[in-house]
Amino acid sequence: METLGELLVSLRKRDGLTLRQVEVITEKRVSNAYLSQIENGKILKPSLNILFALSEVYGVSYNEIMELAGYISARGSRESALEGHEVTNLLGEISKEEEERLLEYLTFLRSNYKK
C-alpha cells in the first residue's frame, strides 16, 4: 500500500506538473514547499482543505486521499483524528446548532463533489 506522499508524487508526475505548477493551480492554497514536505513524508496529516485542493487538482477521490492521510478508515468511517477532543482542537467549542449546521454543510459539499 502506498503512502499519501507516494500517491501525490505519482499523480503529480502523471500529470507532468512541477511543485510550483501545483501551487499556481491551487491558487497558493498549497505552497510548493508544503507539498514537497507532504510528498517526502515529513507531513503525514495535512489539513482537510489541503487534501481537498489536491484531490481537485489531480482528479482523484477525496476519500482515498483522506484515507491515506489517516482521517478515515478503508471502510469510510471516522477515525479518532476527527472525533471527540480533536474536533474541538480543530474548530474550538461548537454549539449543538453549529454542529447540526456543519453536518448539513458537509452533506451539501459531499453531494456536490460526487457529481
PDB file of N, CA and C in Angstrom:
ATOM      1  N   MET A   1       0.846  -1.183   0.000  1.00  0.00           N
ATOM      2  CA  MET A   1       0.000   0.000   0.000  1.00  0.00           C
ATOM      3  C   MET A   1       0.891   1.246   0.000  1.00  0.00           C
ATOM      4  N   GLU A   2       0.583   2.166  -0.873  1.00  0.00           N
ATOM      5  CA  GLU A   2       1.401   3.362  -0.945  1.00  0.00           C
ATOM      6  C   GLU A   2       0.996   4.387   0.101  1.00  0.00           C
ATOM      7  N   THR A   3       1.930   5.265   0.401  1.00  0.00           N
ATOM      8  CA  THR A   3       1.662   6.333   1.358  1.00  0.00           C
ATOM      9  C   THR A   3       1.009   7.507   0.641  1.00  0.00           C
ATOM     10  N   LEU A   4       0.530   8.449   1.426  1.00  0.00           N
ATOM     11  CA  LEU A   4      -0.044   9.661   0.854  1.00  0.00           C
ATOM     12  C   LEU A   4       0.996  10.373  -0.003  1.00  0.00           C
ATOM     13  N   GLY A   5       2.201  10.515   0.520  1.00  0.00           N
ATOM     14  CA  GLY A   5       3.266  11.188  -0.223  1.00  0.00           C
ATOM     15  C   GLY A   5       3.576  10.505  -1.542  1.00  0.00           C
ATOM     16  N   GLU A   6       3.665   9.190  -1.522  1.00  0.00           N
ATOM     17  CA  GLU A   6       3.951   8.435  -2.747  1.00  0.00           C
ATOM     18  C   GLU A   6       2.836   8.624  -3.776  1.00  0.00           C
ATOM     19  N   LEU A   7       1.596   8.596  -3.303  1.00  0.00           N
ATOM     20  CA  LEU A   7       0.474   8.805  -4.216  1.00  0.00           C
ATOM     21  C   LEU A   7       0.545  10.189  -4.850  1.00  0.00           C
ATOM     22  N   LEU A   8       0.794  11.210  -4.035  1.00  0.00           N
ATOM     23  CA  LEU A   8       0.828  12.571  -4.558  1.00  0.00           C
ATOM     24  C   LEU A   8       1.967  12.780  -5.549  1.00  0.00           C
ATOM     25  N   VAL A   9       3.128  12.172  -5.286  1.00  0.00           N
ATOM     26  CA  VAL A   9       4.244  12.267  -6.241  1.00  0.00           C
ATOM     27  C   VAL A   9       3.846  11.618  -7.554  1.00  0.00           C
ATOM     28  N   SER A  10       3.263  10.426  -7.485  1.00  0.00           N
ATOM     29  CA  SER A  10       2.914   9.720  -8.723  1.00  0.00           C
ATOM     30  C   SER A  10       1.843  10.473  -9.512  1.00  0.00           C
ATOM     31  N   LEU A  11       0.870  11.063  -8.816  1.00  0.00           N
ATOM     32  CA  LEU A  11      -0.176  11.824  -9.502  1.00  0.00           C
ATOM     33  C   LEU A  11       0.395  13.080 -10.154  1.00  0.00           C
ATOM     34  N   ARG A  12       1.274  13.770  -9.429  1.00  0.00           N
ATOM     35  CA  ARG A  12       1.868  14.994  -9.974  1.00  0.00           C
ATOM     36  C   ARG A  12       2.710  14.673 -11.198  1.00  0.00           C
ATOM     37  N   LYS A  13       3.494  13.602 -11.120  1.00  0.00           N
ATOM     38  CA  LYS A  13       4.328  13.208 -12.264  1.00  0.00           C
ATOM     39  C   LYS A  13       3.470  12.699 -13.421  1.00  0.00           C
ATOM     40  N   ARG A  14       2.403  11.997 -13.098  1.00  0.00           N
ATOM     41  CA  ARG A  14       1.476  11.528 -14.134  1.00  0.00           C
ATOM     42  C   ARG A  14       0.955  12.698 -14.957  1.00  0.00           C
ATOM     43  N   ASP A  15       0.644  13.787 -14.261  1.00  0.00           N
ATOM     44  CA  ASP A  15       0.094  14.959 -14.919  1.00  0.00           C
ATOM     45  C   ASP A  15       1.169  15.897 -15.458  1.00  0.00           C
ATOM     46  N   GLY A  16       2.442  15.533 -15.247  1.00  0.00           N
ATOM     47  CA  GLY A  16       3.538  16.344 -15.754  1.00  0.00           C
ATOM     48  C   GLY A  16       3.635  17.709 -15.096  1.00  0.00           C
ATOM     49  N   LEU A  17       3.327  17.769 -13.814  1.00  0.00           N
ATOM     50  CA  LEU A  17       3.321  19.042 -13.099  1.00  0.00           C
ATOM     51  C   LEU A  17       4.531  19.168 -12.178  1.00  0.00           C
ATOM     52  N   THR A  18       5.001  20.389 -12.017  1.00  0.00           N
ATOM     53  CA  THR A  18       6.027  20.671 -11.022  1.00  0.00           C
ATOM     54  C   THR A  18       5.331  21.084  -9.733  1.00  0.00           C
ATOM     55  N   LEU A  19       6.107  21.131  -8.666  1.00  0.00           N
ATOM     56  CA  LEU A  19       5.561  21.595  -7.394  1.00  0.00           C
ATOM     57  C   LEU A  19       5.018  23.016  -7.523  1.00  0.00           C
ATOM     58  N   ARG A  20       5.742  23.856  -8.220  1.00  0.00           N
ATOM     59  CA  ARG A  20       5.315  25.252  -8.396  1.00  0.00           C
ATOM     60  C   ARG A  20       4.027  25.347  -9.226  1.00  0.00           C
ATOM     61  N   GLN A  21       3.871  24.479 -10.212  1.00  0.00           N
ATOM     62  CA  GLN A  21       2.651  24.499 -11.011  1.00  0.00           C
ATOM     63  C   GLN A  21       1.437  24.118 -10.168  1.00  0.00           C
ATOM     64  N   VAL A  22       1.616  23.154  -9.272  1.00  0.00           N
ATOM     65  CA  VAL A  22       0.520  22.776  -8.378  1.00  0.00           C
ATOM     66  C   VAL A  22       0.168  23.958  -7.479  1.00  0.00           C
ATOM     67  N   GLU A  23       1.168  24.666  -7.012  1.00  0.00           N
ATOM     68  CA  GLU A  23       0.926  25.847  -6.187  1.00  0.00           C
ATOM     69  C   GLU A  23       0.082  26.879  -6.952  1.00  0.00           C
ATOM     70  N   VAL A  24       0.412  27.087  -8.217  1.00  0.00           N
ATOM     71  CA  VAL A  24      -0.331  28.052  -9.035  1.00  0.00           C
ATOM     72  C   VAL A  24      -1.753  27.560  -9.286  1.00  0.00           C
ATOM     73  N   ILE A  25      -1.902  26.289  -9.624  1.00  0.00           N
ATOM     74  CA  ILE A  25      -3.226  25.729  -9.909  1.00  0.00           C
ATOM     75  C   ILE A  25      -4.133  25.825  -8.685  1.00  0.00           C
ATOM     76  N   THR A  26      -3.567  25.632  -7.508  1.00  0.00           N
ATOM     77  CA  THR A  26      -4.374  25.707  -6.282  1.00  0.00           C
ATOM     78  C   THR A  26      -4.504  27.135  -5.769  1.00  0.00           C
ATOM     79  N   GLU A  27      -4.056  28.082  -6.577  1.00  0.00           N
ATOM     80  CA  GLU A  27      -4.112  29.499  -6.199  1.00  0.00           C
ATOM     81  C   GLU A  27      -3.448  29.738  -4.847  1.00  0.00           C
ATOM     82  N   LYS A  28      -2.305  29.070  -4.666  1.00  0.00           N
ATOM     83  CA  LYS A  28      -1.442  29.170  -3.482  1.00  0.00           C
ATOM     84  C   LYS A  28      -2.076  28.627  -2.207  1.00  0.00           C
ATOM     85  N   ARG A  29      -3.158  27.860  -2.347  1.00  0.00           N
ATOM     86  CA  ARG A  29      -3.707  27.187  -1.169  1.00  0.00           C
ATOM     87  C   ARG A  29      -2.745  26.110  -0.694  1.00  0.00           C
ATOM     88  N   VAL A  30      -1.962  25.563  -1.644  1.00  0.00           N
ATOM     89  CA  VAL A  30      -0.957  24.562  -1.316  1.00  0.00           C
ATOM     90  C   VAL A  30       0.377  25.085  -1.839  1.00  0.00           C
ATOM     91  N   SER A  31       1.258  25.484  -0.946  1.00  0.00           N
ATOM     92  CA  SER A  31       2.554  26.009  -1.391  1.00  0.00           C
ATOM     93  C   SER A  31       3.422  24.864  -1.884  1.00  0.00           C
ATOM     94  N   ASN A  32       4.350  25.179  -2.769  1.00  0.00           N
ATOM     95  CA  ASN A  32       5.227  24.130  -3.298  1.00  0.00           C
ATOM     96  C   ASN A  32       6.076  23.524  -2.184  1.00  0.00           C
ATOM     97  N   ALA A  33       6.507  24.330  -1.224  1.00  0.00           N
ATOM     98  CA  ALA A  33       7.326  23.817  -0.115  1.00  0.00           C
ATOM     99  C   ALA A  33       6.516  22.860   0.762  1.00  0.00           C
ATOM    100  N   TYR A  34       5.268  23.213   1.026  1.00  0.00           N
ATOM    101  CA  TYR A  34       4.403  22.362   1.850  1.00  0.00           C
ATOM    102  C   TYR A  34       4.119  21.048   1.135  1.00  0.00           C
ATOM    103  N   LEU A  35       3.817  21.125  -0.169  1.00  0.00           N
ATOM    104  CA  LEU A  35       3.562  19.918  -0.949  1.00  0.00           C
ATOM    105  C   LEU A  35       4.797  19.025  -0.966  1.00  0.00           C
ATOM    106  N   SER A  36       5.964  19.619  -1.089  1.00  0.00           N
ATOM    107  CA  SER A  36       7.204  18.842  -1.062  1.00  0.00           C
ATOM    108  C   SER A  36       7.344  18.080   0.257  1.00  0.00           C
ATOM    109  N   GLN A  37       7.009  18.733   1.358  1.00  0.00           N
ATOM    110  CA  GLN A  37       7.086  18.067   2.667  1.00  0.00           C
ATOM    111  C   GLN A  37       6.087  16.927   2.785  1.00  0.00           C
ATOM    112  N   ILE A  38       4.907  17.106   2.206  1.00  0.00           N
ATOM    113  CA  ILE A  38       3.926  16.018   2.212  1.00  0.00           C
ATOM    114  C   ILE A  38       4.446  14.853   1.378  1.00  0.00           C
ATOM    115  N   GLU A  39       4.918  15.175   0.182  1.00  0.00           N
ATOM    116  CA  GLU A  39       5.416  14.127  -0.712  1.00  0.00           C
ATOM    117  C   GLU A  39       6.588  13.361  -0.113  1.00  0.00           C
ATOM    118  N   ASN A  40       7.420  14.040   0.672  1.00  0.00           N
ATOM    119  CA  ASN A  40       8.597  13.399   1.271  1.00  0.00           C
ATOM    120  C   ASN A  40       8.317  12.766   2.629  1.00  0.00           C
ATOM    121  N   GLY A  41       7.055  12.779   3.041  1.00  0.00           N
ATOM    122  CA  GLY A  41       6.676  12.120   4.282  1.00  0.00           C
ATOM    123  C   GLY A  41       6.992  12.910   5.540  1.00  0.00           C
ATOM    124  N   LYS A  42       7.353  14.164   5.408  1.00  0.00           N
ATOM    125  CA  LYS A  42       7.637  14.984   6.595  1.00  0.00           C
ATOM    126  C   LYS A  42       6.348  15.494   7.224  1.00  0.00           C
ATOM    127  N   ILE A  43       5.315  15.643   6.422  1.00  0.00           N
ATOM    128  CA  ILE A  43       3.980  15.988   6.917  1.00  0.00           C
ATOM    129  C   ILE A  43       3.076  14.823   6.548  1.00  0.00           C
ATOM    130  N   LEU A  44       2.586  14.134   7.555  1.00  0.00           N
ATOM    131  CA  LEU A  44       1.789  12.936   7.311  1.00  0.00           C
ATOM    132  C   LEU A  44       0.289  13.190   7.309  1.00  0.00           C
ATOM    133  N   LYS A  45      -0.127  14.262   7.981  1.00  0.00           N
ATOM    134  CA  LYS A  45      -1.555  14.522   8.128  1.00  0.00           C
ATOM    135  C   LYS A  45      -1.852  15.992   7.834  1.00  0.00           C
ATOM    136  N   PRO A  46      -1.797  16.366   6.544  1.00  0.00           N
ATOM    137  CA  PRO A  46      -2.121  17.757   6.200  1.00  0.00           C
ATOM    138  C   PRO A  46      -3.580  18.067   6.492  1.00  0.00           C
ATOM    139  N   SER A  47      -3.898  19.343   6.546  1.00  0.00           N
ATOM    140  CA  SER A  47      -5.274  19.736   6.848  1.00  0.00           C
ATOM    141  C   SER A  47      -6.223  19.279   5.739  1.00  0.00           C
ATOM    142  N   LEU A  48      -7.492  19.202   6.101  1.00  0.00           N
ATOM    143  CA  LEU A  48      -8.502  18.714   5.169  1.00  0.00           C
ATOM    144  C   LEU A  48      -8.658  19.609   3.954  1.00  0.00           C
ATOM    145  N   ASN A  49      -8.500  20.921   4.134  1.00  0.00           N
ATOM    146  CA  ASN A  49      -8.633  21.815   2.976  1.00  0.00           C
ATOM    147  C   ASN A  49      -7.483  21.615   1.989  1.00  0.00           C
ATOM    148  N   ILE A  50      -6.304  21.286   2.473  1.00  0.00           N
ATOM    149  CA  ILE A  50      -5.166  20.979   1.597  1.00  0.00           C
ATOM    150  C   ILE A  50      -5.460  19.699   0.819  1.00  0.00           C
ATOM    151  N   LEU A  51      -5.935  18.686   1.510  1.00  0.00           N
ATOM    152  CA  LEU A  51      -6.254  17.415   0.860  1.00  0.00           C
ATOM    153  C   LEU A  51      -7.340  17.592  -0.198  1.00  0.00           C
ATOM    154  N   PHE A  52      -8.330  18.409   0.116  1.00  0.00           N
ATOM    155  CA  PHE A  52      -9.407  18.639  -0.841  1.00  0.00           C
ATOM    156  C   PHE A  52      -8.865  19.343  -2.086  1.00  0.00           C
ATOM    157  N   ALA A  53      -8.039  20.357  -1.894  1.00  0.00           N
ATOM    158  CA  ALA A  53      -7.454  21.076  -3.037  1.00  0.00           C
ATOM    159  C   ALA A  53      -6.641  20.128  -3.913  1.00  0.00           C
ATOM    160  N   LEU A  54      -5.868  19.260  -3.288  1.00  0.00           N
ATOM    161  CA  LEU A  54      -5.053  18.317  -4.061  1.00  0.00           C
ATOM    162  C   LEU A  54      -5.918  17.286  -4.786  1.00  0.00           C
ATOM    163  N   SER A  55      -7.002  16.851  -4.156  1.00  0.00           N
ATOM    164  CA  SER A  55      -7.884  15.886  -4.834  1.00  0.00           C
ATOM    165  C   SER A  55      -8.505  16.526  -6.066  1.00  0.00           C
ATOM    166  N   GLU A  56      -8.812  17.820  -5.992  1.00  0.00           N
ATOM    167  CA  GLU A  56      -9.363  18.524  -7.152  1.00  0.00           C
ATOM    168  C   GLU A  56      -8.326  18.660  -8.262  1.00  0.00           C
ATOM    169  N   VAL A  57      -7.097  19.024  -7.916  1.00  0.00           N
ATOM    170  CA  VAL A  57      -6.035  19.201  -8.914  1.00  0.00           C
ATOM    171  C   VAL A  57      -5.780  17.906  -9.664  1.00  0.00           C
ATOM    172  N   TYR A  58      -5.691  16.807  -8.928  1.00  0.00           N
ATOM    173  CA  TYR A  58      -5.320  15.529  -9.543  1.00  0.00           C
ATOM    174  C   TYR A  58      -6.509  14.703 -10.011  1.00  0.00           C
ATOM    175  N   GLY A  59      -7.729  15.165  -9.703  1.00  0.00           N
ATOM    176  CA  GLY A  59      -8.917  14.436 -10.148  1.00  0.00           C
ATOM    177  C   GLY A  59      -9.044  13.063  -9.533  1.00  0.00           C
ATOM    178  N   VAL A  60      -8.725  12.969  -8.243  1.00  0.00           N
ATOM    179  CA  VAL A  60      -8.831  11.688  -7.540  1.00  0.00           C
ATOM    180  C   VAL A  60      -9.810  11.824  -6.385  1.00  0.00           C
ATOM    181  N   SER A  61     -10.189  10.705  -5.853  1.00  0.00           N
ATOM    182  CA  SER A  61     -11.157  10.645  -4.771  1.00  0.00           C
ATOM    183  C   SER A  61     -10.631  11.326  -3.511  1.00  0.00           C
ATOM    184  N   TYR A  62     -11.416  12.254  -3.007  1.00  0.00           N
ATOM    185  CA  TYR A  62     -11.095  12.910  -1.736  1.00  0.00           C
ATOM    186  C   TYR A  62     -11.025  11.871  -0.623  1.00  0.00           C
ATOM    187  N   ASN A  63     -11.922  10.892  -0.660  1.00  0.00           N
ATOM    188  CA  ASN A  63     -11.926   9.839   0.360  1.00  0.00           C
ATOM    189  C   ASN A  63     -10.636   9.037   0.341  1.00  0.00           C
ATOM    190  N   GLU A  64     -10.121   8.737  -0.850  1.00  0.00           N
ATOM    191  CA  GLU A  64      -8.864   7.979  -0.943  1.00  0.00           C
ATOM    192  C   GLU A  64      -7.714   8.754  -0.303  1.00  0.00           C
ATOM    193  N   ILE A  65      -7.654  10.039  -0.603  1.00  0.00           N
ATOM    194  CA  ILE A  65      -6.590  10.863  -0.036  1.00  0.00           C
ATOM    195  C   ILE A  65      -6.759  10.985   1.480  1.00  0.00           C
ATOM    196  N   MET A  66      -7.999  11.143   1.935  1.00  0.00           N
ATOM    197  CA  MET A  66      -8.248  11.229   3.377  1.00  0.00           C
ATOM    198  C   MET A  66      -7.886   9.921   4.070  1.00  0.00           C
ATOM    199  N   GLU A  67      -8.128   8.815   3.415  1.00  0.00           N
ATOM    200  CA  GLU A  67      -7.781   7.511   3.981  1.00  0.00           C
ATOM    201  C   GLU A  67      -6.268   7.378   4.133  1.00  0.00           C
ATOM    202  N   LEU A  68      -5.526   7.749   3.088  1.00  0.00           N
ATOM    203  CA  LEU A  68      -4.071   7.647   3.160  1.00  0.00           C
ATOM    204  C   LEU A  68      -3.479   8.591   4.204  1.00  0.00           C
ATOM    205  N   ALA A  69      -4.163   9.701   4.465  1.00  0.00           N
ATOM    206  CA  ALA A  69      -3.698  10.640   5.486  1.00  0.00           C
ATOM    207  C   ALA A  69      -4.115  10.197   6.892  1.00  0.00           C
ATOM    208  N   GLY A  70      -4.941   9.156   6.970  1.00  0.00           N
ATOM    209  CA  GLY A  70      -5.339   8.630   8.265  1.00  0.00           C
ATOM    210  C   GLY A  70      -6.571   9.265   8.877  1.00  0.00           C
ATOM    211  N   TYR A  71      -7.315  10.040   8.089  1.00  0.00           N
ATOM    212  CA  TYR A  71      -8.519  10.668   8.619  1.00  0.00           C
ATOM    213  C   TYR A  71      -9.712   9.728   8.626  1.00  0.00           C
ATOM    214  N   ILE A  72      -9.768   8.811   7.672  1.00  0.00           N
ATOM    215  CA  ILE A  72     -10.844   7.822   7.642  1.00  0.00           C
ATOM    216  C   ILE A  72     -10.237   6.459   7.400  1.00  0.00           C
ATOM    217  N   SER A  73     -10.974   5.424   7.792  1.00  0.00           N
ATOM    218  CA  SER A  73     -10.502   4.062   7.578  1.00  0.00           C
ATOM    219  C   SER A  73     -10.927   3.590   6.191  1.00  0.00           C
ATOM    220  N   ALA A  74     -10.471   2.438   5.802  1.00  0.00           N
ATOM    221  CA  ALA A  74     -10.810   1.880   4.496  1.00  0.00           C
ATOM    222  C   ALA A  74     -12.315   1.681   4.354  1.00  0.00           C
ATOM    223  N   ARG A  75     -12.992   1.532   5.468  1.00  0.00           N
ATOM    224  CA  ARG A  75     -14.455   1.360   5.441  1.00  0.00           C
ATOM    225  C   ARG A  75     -15.166   2.696   5.341  1.00  0.00           C
ATOM    226  N   GLY A  76     -14.423   3.793   5.410  1.00  0.00           N
ATOM    227  CA  GLY A  76     -15.028   5.109   5.300  1.00  0.00           C
ATOM    228  C   GLY A  76     -15.517   5.679   6.606  1.00  0.00           C
ATOM    229  N   SER A  77     -15.257   4.990   7.712  1.00  0.00           N
ATOM    230  CA  SER A  77     -15.699   5.530   8.994  1.00  0.00           C
ATOM    231  C   SER A  77     -14.661   6.492   9.541  1.00  0.00           C
ATOM    232  N   ARG A  78     -15.096   7.353  10.430  1.00  0.00           N
ATOM    233  CA  ARG A  78     -14.173   8.310  11.023  1.00  0.00           C
ATOM    234  C   ARG A  78     -13.206   7.604  11.957  1.00  0.00           C
ATOM    235  N   GLU A  79     -11.996   8.070  11.972  1.00  0.00           N
ATOM    236  CA  GLU A  79     -11.002   7.599  12.921  1.00  0.00           C
ATOM    237  C   GLU A  79     -10.920   8.615  14.046  1.00  0.00           C
ATOM    238  N   SER A  80     -10.144   8.316  15.046  1.00  0.00           N
ATOM    239  CA  SER A  80     -10.087   9.182  16.223  1.00  0.00           C
ATOM    240  C   SER A  80      -9.604  10.591  15.909  1.00  0.00           C
ATOM    241  N   ALA A  81      -8.916  10.805  14.808  1.00  0.00           N
ATOM    242  CA  ALA A  81      -8.401  12.136  14.488  1.00  0.00           C
ATOM    243  C   ALA A  81      -9.510  13.142  14.267  1.00  0.00           C
ATOM    244  N   LEU A  82     -10.691  12.688  13.955  1.00  0.00           N
ATOM    245  CA  LEU A  82     -11.794  13.616  13.728  1.00  0.00           C
ATOM    246  C   LEU A  82     -12.919  13.423  14.739  1.00  0.00           C
ATOM    247  N   GLU A  83     -12.610  12.860  15.868  1.00  0.00           N
ATOM    248  CA  GLU A  83     -13.634  12.636  16.873  1.00  0.00           C
ATOM    249  C   GLU A  83     -13.279  13.331  18.174  1.00  0.00           C
ATOM    250  N   GLY A  84     -14.239  13.446  19.028  1.00  0.00           N
ATOM    251  CA  GLY A  84     -14.025  13.925  20.381  1.00  0.00           C
ATOM    252  C   GLY A  84     -13.247  15.215  20.489  1.00  0.00           C
ATOM    253  N   HIS A  85     -12.240  15.199  21.338  1.00  0.00           N
ATOM    254  CA  HIS A  85     -11.488  16.420  21.616  1.00  0.00           C
ATOM    255  C   HIS A  85     -10.699  16.921  20.421  1.00  0.00           C
ATOM    256  N   GLU A  86     -10.402  16.064  19.461  1.00  0.00           N
ATOM    257  CA  GLU A  86      -9.653  16.504  18.280  1.00  0.00           C
ATOM    258  C   GLU A  86     -10.469  17.494  17.451  1.00  0.00           C
ATOM    259  N   VAL A  87     -11.770  17.265  17.337  1.00  0.00           N
ATOM    260  CA  VAL A  87     -12.626  18.201  16.607  1.00  0.00           C
ATOM    261  C   VAL A  87     -12.629  19.541  17.321  1.00  0.00           C
ATOM    262  N   THR A  88     -12.703  19.493  18.639  1.00  0.00           N
ATOM    263  CA  THR A  88     -12.661  20.729  19.415  1.00  0.00           C
ATOM    264  C   THR A  88     -11.356  21.466  19.177  1.00  0.00           C
ATOM    265  N   ASN A  89     -10.251  20.727  19.093  1.00  0.00           N
ATOM    266  CA  ASN A  89      -8.962  21.366  18.823  1.00  0.00           C
ATOM    267  C   ASN A  89      -8.949  22.030  17.456  1.00  0.00           C
ATOM    268  N   LEU A  90      -9.594  21.423  16.486  1.00  0.00           N
ATOM    269  CA  LEU A  90      -9.626  21.986  15.143  1.00  0.00           C
ATOM    270  C   LEU A  90     -10.578  23.165  15.027  1.00  0.00           C
ATOM    271  N   LEU A  91     -11.732  23.064  15.646  1.00  0.00           N
ATOM    272  CA  LEU A  91     -12.781  24.062  15.461  1.00  0.00           C
ATOM    273  C   LEU A  91     -13.029  24.952  16.672  1.00  0.00           C
ATOM    274  N   GLY A  92     -12.521  24.583  17.820  1.00  0.00           N
ATOM    275  CA  GLY A  92     -12.910  25.270  19.040  1.00  0.00           C
ATOM    276  C   GLY A  92     -14.247  24.715  19.492  1.00  0.00           C
ATOM    277  N   GLU A  93     -14.732  25.203  20.599  1.00  0.00           N
ATOM    278  CA  GLU A  93     -16.020  24.732  21.105  1.00  0.00           C
ATOM    279  C   GLU A  93     -17.134  25.130  20.135  1.00  0.00           C
ATOM    280  N   ILE A  94     -18.031  24.181  19.869  1.00  0.00           N
ATOM    281  CA  ILE A  94     -19.160  24.477  18.982  1.00  0.00           C
ATOM    282  C   ILE A  94     -20.446  24.084  19.686  1.00  0.00           C
ATOM    283  N   SER A  95     -21.496  24.819  19.378  1.00  0.00           N
ATOM    284  CA  SER A  95     -22.801  24.530  19.965  1.00  0.00           C
ATOM    285  C   SER A  95     -23.466  23.391  19.197  1.00  0.00           C
ATOM    286  N   LYS A  96     -24.535  22.880  19.753  1.00  0.00           N
ATOM    287  CA  LYS A  96     -25.311  21.825  19.082  1.00  0.00           C
ATOM    288  C   LYS A  96     -25.846  22.341  17.746  1.00  0.00           C
ATOM    289  N   GLU A  97     -26.311  23.582  17.728  1.00  0.00           N
ATOM    290  CA  GLU A  97     -26.817  24.179  16.485  1.00  0.00           C
ATOM    291  C   GLU A  97     -25.709  24.281  15.439  1.00  0.00           C
ATOM    292  N   GLU A  98     -24.513  24.699  15.866  1.00  0.00           N
ATOM    293  CA  GLU A  98     -23.382  24.789  14.931  1.00  0.00           C
ATOM    294  C   GLU A  98     -23.007  23.411  14.403  1.00  0.00           C
ATOM    295  N   GLU A  99     -23.041  22.420  15.281  1.00  0.00           N
ATOM    296  CA  GLU A  99     -22.737  21.054  14.861  1.00  0.00           C
ATOM    297  C   GLU A  99     -23.723  20.585  13.797  1.00  0.00           C
ATOM    298  N   GLU A 100     -25.009  20.850  14.004  1.00  0.00           N
ATOM    299  CA  GLU A 100     -26.026  20.460  13.029  1.00  0.00           C
ATOM    300  C   GLU A 100     -25.815  21.176  11.701  1.00  0.00           C
ATOM    301  N   ARG A 101     -25.486  22.466  11.755  1.00  0.00           N
ATOM    302  CA  ARG A 101     -25.248  23.228  10.524  1.00  0.00           C
ATOM    303  C   ARG A 101     -23.999  22.725   9.799  1.00  0.00           C
ATOM    304  N   LEU A 102     -22.965  22.369  10.561  1.00  0.00           N
ATOM    305  CA  LEU A 102     -21.757  21.818   9.935  1.00  0.00           C
ATOM    306  C   LEU A 102     -22.054  20.498   9.232  1.00  0.00           C
ATOM    307  N   LEU A 103     -22.849  19.655   9.858  1.00  0.00           N
ATOM    308  CA  LEU A 103     -23.220  18.388   9.238  1.00  0.00           C
ATOM    309  C   LEU A 103     -24.045  18.603   7.980  1.00  0.00           C
ATOM    310  N   GLU A 104     -24.951  19.581   8.016  1.00  0.00           N
ATOM    311  CA  GLU A 104     -25.732  19.907   6.817  1.00  0.00           C
ATOM    312  C   GLU A 104     -24.813  20.388   5.696  1.00  0.00           C
ATOM    313  N   TYR A 105     -23.863  21.231   6.049  1.00  0.00           N
ATOM    314  CA  TYR A 105     -22.935  21.761   5.046  1.00  0.00           C
ATOM    315  C   TYR A 105     -22.056  20.648   4.488  1.00  0.00           C
ATOM    316  N   LEU A 106     -21.598  19.754   5.343  1.00  0.00           N
ATOM    317  CA  LEU A 106     -20.784  18.633   4.872  1.00  0.00           C
ATOM    318  C   LEU A 106     -21.584  17.755   3.915  1.00  0.00           C
ATOM    319  N   THR A 107     -22.829  17.521   4.211  1.00  0.00           N
ATOM    320  CA  THR A 107     -23.691  16.752   3.309  1.00  0.00           C
ATOM    321  C   THR A 107     -23.818  17.454   1.969  1.00  0.00           C
ATOM    322  N   PHE A 108     -24.001  18.772   2.002  1.00  0.00           N
ATOM    323  CA  PHE A 108     -24.074  19.568   0.777  1.00  0.00           C
ATOM    324  C   PHE A 108     -22.781  19.454  -0.025  1.00  0.00           C
ATOM    325  N   LEU A 109     -21.637  19.606   0.637  1.00  0.00           N
ATOM    326  CA  LEU A 109     -20.352  19.503  -0.059  1.00  0.00           C
ATOM    327  C   LEU A 109     -20.164  18.133  -0.703  1.00  0.00           C
ATOM    328  N   ARG A 110     -20.466  17.103   0.058  1.00  0.00           N
ATOM    329  CA  ARG A 110     -20.304  15.740  -0.471  1.00  0.00           C
ATOM    330  C   ARG A 110     -21.200  15.495  -1.667  1.00  0.00           C
ATOM    331  N   SER A 111     -22.400  16.029  -1.638  1.00  0.00           N
ATOM    332  CA  SER A 111     -23.301  15.825  -2.782  1.00  0.00           C
ATOM    333  C   SER A 111     -22.783  16.538  -4.021  1.00  0.00           C
ATOM    334  N   ASN A 112     -22.085  17.649  -3.824  1.00  0.00           N
ATOM    335  CA  ASN A 112     -21.537  18.389  -4.973  1.00  0.00           C
ATOM    336  C   ASN A 112     -20.294  17.751  -5.552  1.00  0.00           C
ATOM    337  N   TYR A 113     -19.414  17.175  -4.762  1.00  0.00           N
ATOM    338  CA  TYR A 113     -18.219  16.600  -5.349  1.00  0.00           C
ATOM    339  C   TYR A 113     -18.385  15.156  -5.774  1.00  0.00           C
ATOM    340  N   LYS A 114     -19.548  14.575  -5.552  1.00  0.00           N
ATOM    341  CA  LYS A 114     -19.831  13.246  -6.077  1.00  0.00           C
ATOM    342  C   LYS A 114     -20.346  13.313  -7.513  1.00  0.00           C
ATOM    343  N   LYS A 115     -20.731  14.501  -7.959  1.00  0.00           N
ATOM    344  CA  LYS A 115     -21.315  14.658  -9.304  1.00  0.00           C
ATOM    345  C   LYS A 115     -20.256  14.581 -10.371  1.00  0.00           C
TER     346      LYS A 115
END
